[in-house]
N, C-alpha and C. Protein backbone atom coordinates (compact mmCIF):
# COMPACT_ATOMS: atom_id res chain seq x y z
N MET A 1 9.28 5.91 -43.38
CA MET A 1 8.53 6.94 -42.94
C MET A 1 6.93 6.78 -43.00
N VAL A 2 6.24 7.15 -42.05
CA VAL A 2 4.64 6.93 -42.15
C VAL A 2 4.19 8.31 -41.71
N VAL A 3 3.19 8.67 -42.32
CA VAL A 3 2.39 9.78 -42.04
C VAL A 3 1.06 9.51 -41.44
N ALA A 4 0.83 9.81 -40.13
CA ALA A 4 -0.39 9.39 -39.40
C ALA A 4 -1.30 10.69 -39.13
N LEU A 5 -2.61 10.37 -38.85
CA LEU A 5 -3.40 11.48 -38.40
C LEU A 5 -3.23 11.88 -36.83
N ARG A 6 -3.36 12.93 -36.46
CA ARG A 6 -3.19 13.41 -35.17
C ARG A 6 -4.65 13.59 -34.63
N LYS A 7 -5.17 12.51 -34.13
CA LYS A 7 -6.58 12.00 -33.67
C LYS A 7 -7.28 13.23 -33.20
N GLU A 8 -6.58 13.56 -32.10
CA GLU A 8 -7.08 14.69 -31.16
C GLU A 8 -7.34 15.89 -31.83
N LYS A 9 -6.26 16.15 -32.46
CA LYS A 9 -6.32 17.62 -33.30
C LYS A 9 -7.46 17.50 -34.38
N ILE A 10 -7.66 16.42 -35.11
CA ILE A 10 -8.76 16.22 -35.96
C ILE A 10 -10.01 16.44 -35.32
N LYS A 11 -10.14 15.60 -34.08
CA LYS A 11 -11.46 15.72 -33.39
C LYS A 11 -11.74 17.33 -32.97
N LYS A 12 -10.86 17.92 -32.55
CA LYS A 12 -10.99 19.23 -32.10
C LYS A 12 -11.56 20.27 -33.18
N ILE A 13 -10.80 19.90 -34.45
CA ILE A 13 -11.21 20.80 -35.61
C ILE A 13 -12.65 20.49 -36.16
N LEU A 14 -12.98 19.12 -36.08
CA LEU A 14 -14.45 18.63 -36.53
C LEU A 14 -15.32 19.24 -35.47
N ALA A 15 -15.18 19.17 -34.29
CA ALA A 15 -16.05 19.85 -33.36
C ALA A 15 -16.26 21.38 -33.51
N ARG A 16 -15.04 22.11 -33.63
CA ARG A 16 -15.19 23.47 -33.93
C ARG A 16 -16.09 23.70 -35.30
N LYS A 17 -16.00 22.90 -36.26
CA LYS A 17 -16.73 22.86 -37.53
C LYS A 17 -18.11 22.29 -37.44
N ASN A 18 -18.46 21.55 -36.25
CA ASN A 18 -19.81 21.10 -36.11
C ASN A 18 -20.09 19.95 -37.00
N MET A 19 -18.91 19.16 -37.24
CA MET A 19 -19.00 18.13 -38.23
C MET A 19 -18.76 16.72 -37.70
N SER A 20 -19.49 15.77 -37.98
CA SER A 20 -19.30 14.43 -37.44
C SER A 20 -18.16 13.83 -38.11
N GLN A 21 -17.58 12.79 -37.58
CA GLN A 21 -16.58 11.98 -38.25
C GLN A 21 -17.26 11.38 -39.61
N ASN A 22 -18.42 10.84 -39.61
CA ASN A 22 -19.01 10.31 -40.60
C ASN A 22 -19.24 11.37 -41.73
N ALA A 23 -19.57 12.55 -41.46
CA ALA A 23 -19.71 13.53 -42.44
C ALA A 23 -18.39 13.92 -42.87
N PHE A 24 -17.40 13.96 -42.31
CA PHE A 24 -16.08 14.29 -42.59
C PHE A 24 -15.49 13.18 -43.57
N ALA A 25 -15.94 11.92 -43.22
CA ALA A 25 -15.41 10.63 -44.21
C ALA A 25 -16.03 10.90 -45.48
N PHE A 26 -17.35 11.24 -45.63
CA PHE A 26 -18.13 11.49 -46.78
C PHE A 26 -17.48 12.65 -47.59
N ARG A 27 -17.02 13.74 -46.95
CA ARG A 27 -16.62 14.79 -47.64
C ARG A 27 -15.12 14.56 -48.16
N ILE A 28 -14.40 13.65 -47.38
CA ILE A 28 -13.00 13.39 -48.14
C ILE A 28 -12.98 12.06 -49.00
N GLY A 29 -14.19 11.54 -49.08
CA GLY A 29 -14.43 10.47 -50.06
C GLY A 29 -13.97 9.10 -49.66
N VAL A 30 -14.08 8.87 -48.19
CA VAL A 30 -13.92 7.50 -47.70
C VAL A 30 -15.05 7.07 -46.90
N SER A 31 -15.22 5.70 -46.70
CA SER A 31 -16.18 5.19 -46.02
C SER A 31 -15.97 5.51 -44.42
N SER A 32 -16.93 5.39 -43.71
CA SER A 32 -16.83 5.58 -42.22
C SER A 32 -15.98 4.67 -41.55
N GLY A 33 -15.86 3.54 -42.00
CA GLY A 33 -15.11 2.33 -41.49
C GLY A 33 -13.47 2.74 -41.81
N TYR A 34 -13.28 3.17 -43.06
CA TYR A 34 -12.03 3.57 -43.15
C TYR A 34 -11.70 4.90 -42.51
N MET A 35 -12.49 5.71 -42.39
CA MET A 35 -12.03 6.85 -41.47
C MET A 35 -11.79 6.47 -39.96
N SER A 36 -12.53 5.51 -39.50
CA SER A 36 -12.32 5.05 -38.12
C SER A 36 -10.88 4.31 -38.05
N GLN A 37 -10.42 3.55 -39.23
CA GLN A 37 -9.07 2.96 -39.19
C GLN A 37 -8.18 4.17 -39.26
N LEU A 38 -8.34 5.27 -39.95
CA LEU A 38 -7.33 6.34 -40.05
C LEU A 38 -7.27 7.01 -38.60
N MET A 39 -8.38 7.16 -38.09
CA MET A 39 -8.33 7.67 -36.73
C MET A 39 -7.46 6.96 -35.61
N SER A 40 -7.88 5.64 -35.88
CA SER A 40 -7.24 4.61 -34.79
C SER A 40 -5.77 4.34 -35.00
N GLY A 41 -5.27 4.79 -36.15
CA GLY A 41 -3.85 4.64 -36.58
C GLY A 41 -3.75 3.16 -37.34
N ILE A 42 -4.74 2.42 -37.56
CA ILE A 42 -4.61 1.15 -38.32
C ILE A 42 -4.15 1.36 -39.75
N ARG A 43 -4.66 2.46 -40.36
CA ARG A 43 -4.33 2.91 -41.78
C ARG A 43 -3.81 4.17 -41.60
N ASN A 44 -3.00 4.64 -42.71
CA ASN A 44 -2.43 5.87 -42.68
C ASN A 44 -2.75 6.47 -44.21
N PRO A 45 -3.02 7.89 -44.16
CA PRO A 45 -3.63 8.50 -45.32
C PRO A 45 -2.58 8.42 -46.33
N SER A 46 -2.83 8.32 -47.60
CA SER A 46 -2.01 8.56 -48.88
C SER A 46 -1.85 9.95 -49.11
N PRO A 47 -0.83 10.15 -49.86
CA PRO A 47 -0.61 11.67 -50.30
C PRO A 47 -1.92 12.28 -50.87
N LEU A 48 -2.66 11.48 -51.57
CA LEU A 48 -3.81 12.25 -52.12
C LEU A 48 -4.83 12.48 -51.16
N LEU A 49 -5.02 11.57 -50.20
CA LEU A 49 -5.94 11.61 -49.03
C LEU A 49 -5.50 12.77 -48.21
N ARG A 50 -4.19 12.92 -47.83
CA ARG A 50 -3.84 14.01 -47.03
C ARG A 50 -4.08 15.29 -47.59
N GLU A 51 -3.94 15.52 -49.06
CA GLU A 51 -4.53 16.71 -49.57
C GLU A 51 -5.87 16.99 -49.58
N ARG A 52 -6.53 16.04 -49.61
CA ARG A 52 -8.10 16.09 -49.59
C ARG A 52 -8.51 16.57 -48.17
N LEU A 53 -7.64 15.89 -47.12
CA LEU A 53 -8.05 16.41 -45.67
C LEU A 53 -7.78 17.96 -45.42
N LEU A 54 -6.64 18.14 -45.91
CA LEU A 54 -6.34 19.68 -45.76
C LEU A 54 -7.23 20.47 -46.45
N THR A 55 -7.67 20.09 -47.70
CA THR A 55 -8.66 21.05 -48.37
C THR A 55 -10.04 20.98 -47.84
N VAL A 56 -10.64 19.97 -47.19
CA VAL A 56 -11.78 19.86 -46.67
C VAL A 56 -11.91 20.74 -45.16
N LEU A 57 -10.69 20.67 -44.57
CA LEU A 57 -10.52 21.40 -43.35
C LEU A 57 -10.08 22.70 -43.39
N LYS A 58 -9.94 23.12 -44.76
CA LYS A 58 -9.62 24.62 -45.11
C LYS A 58 -8.16 25.01 -44.54
N LEU A 59 -7.22 23.98 -44.45
CA LEU A 59 -5.94 24.30 -44.10
C LEU A 59 -4.96 24.30 -45.22
N ASP A 60 -3.83 24.97 -45.35
CA ASP A 60 -2.78 24.96 -46.20
C ASP A 60 -1.72 23.94 -45.74
N GLU A 61 -0.84 23.81 -46.69
CA GLU A 61 0.20 22.97 -46.50
C GLU A 61 1.14 23.49 -45.28
N ASN A 62 1.08 24.79 -44.97
CA ASN A 62 1.74 25.14 -43.96
C ASN A 62 1.29 24.62 -42.52
N ASN A 63 0.05 24.04 -42.52
CA ASN A 63 -0.51 23.62 -41.34
C ASN A 63 -0.32 22.01 -41.24
N PHE A 64 0.34 21.45 -42.15
CA PHE A 64 0.51 20.11 -42.27
C PHE A 64 0.88 19.44 -40.90
N ASP A 65 1.69 19.97 -40.03
CA ASP A 65 2.03 19.22 -38.89
C ASP A 65 0.89 19.45 -37.73
N LYS A 66 0.10 20.35 -38.10
CA LYS A 66 -1.20 20.53 -37.09
C LYS A 66 -2.02 19.28 -37.06
N ILE A 67 -2.17 18.47 -38.10
CA ILE A 67 -3.13 17.37 -38.20
C ILE A 67 -2.45 16.16 -38.58
N PHE A 68 -1.23 16.07 -39.09
CA PHE A 68 -0.45 14.85 -39.37
C PHE A 68 0.87 14.77 -38.52
N ARG A 69 1.21 13.69 -38.10
CA ARG A 69 2.46 13.35 -37.54
C ARG A 69 3.39 12.47 -38.42
N ILE A 70 4.70 12.73 -38.44
CA ILE A 70 5.57 11.79 -39.10
C ILE A 70 6.33 10.87 -38.26
N ARG A 71 6.10 9.60 -38.53
CA ARG A 71 6.89 8.63 -37.74
C ARG A 71 7.97 7.79 -38.55
N ASN A 72 9.15 7.73 -38.13
CA ASN A 72 10.07 6.88 -38.65
C ASN A 72 9.81 5.35 -38.36
N THR A 73 10.08 4.59 -39.43
CA THR A 73 9.84 3.22 -39.44
C THR A 73 11.10 2.32 -39.72
N ASN A 74 12.32 2.85 -39.09
CA ASN A 74 13.56 2.25 -39.15
C ASN A 74 13.39 0.84 -38.56
N ARG A 75 13.78 -0.19 -39.26
CA ARG A 75 13.68 -1.50 -39.05
C ARG A 75 15.18 -2.05 -38.67
């Protein structure tokens, strides 16, 4: 199982908050390059980073599905 960001949802929330992707990266404690990798699906957020994302966006765990999607990785 892999937890990935919902790129379009994140972009909409950031736009509503008038926050750039770089500013968001700084607030969650990652580099802008790493944030770009998260947004493009190259990297996936760790449990700790997922918690920071929710905190910075002022969302509770009930809104998890709003910004994350879970993919099965059955091989």
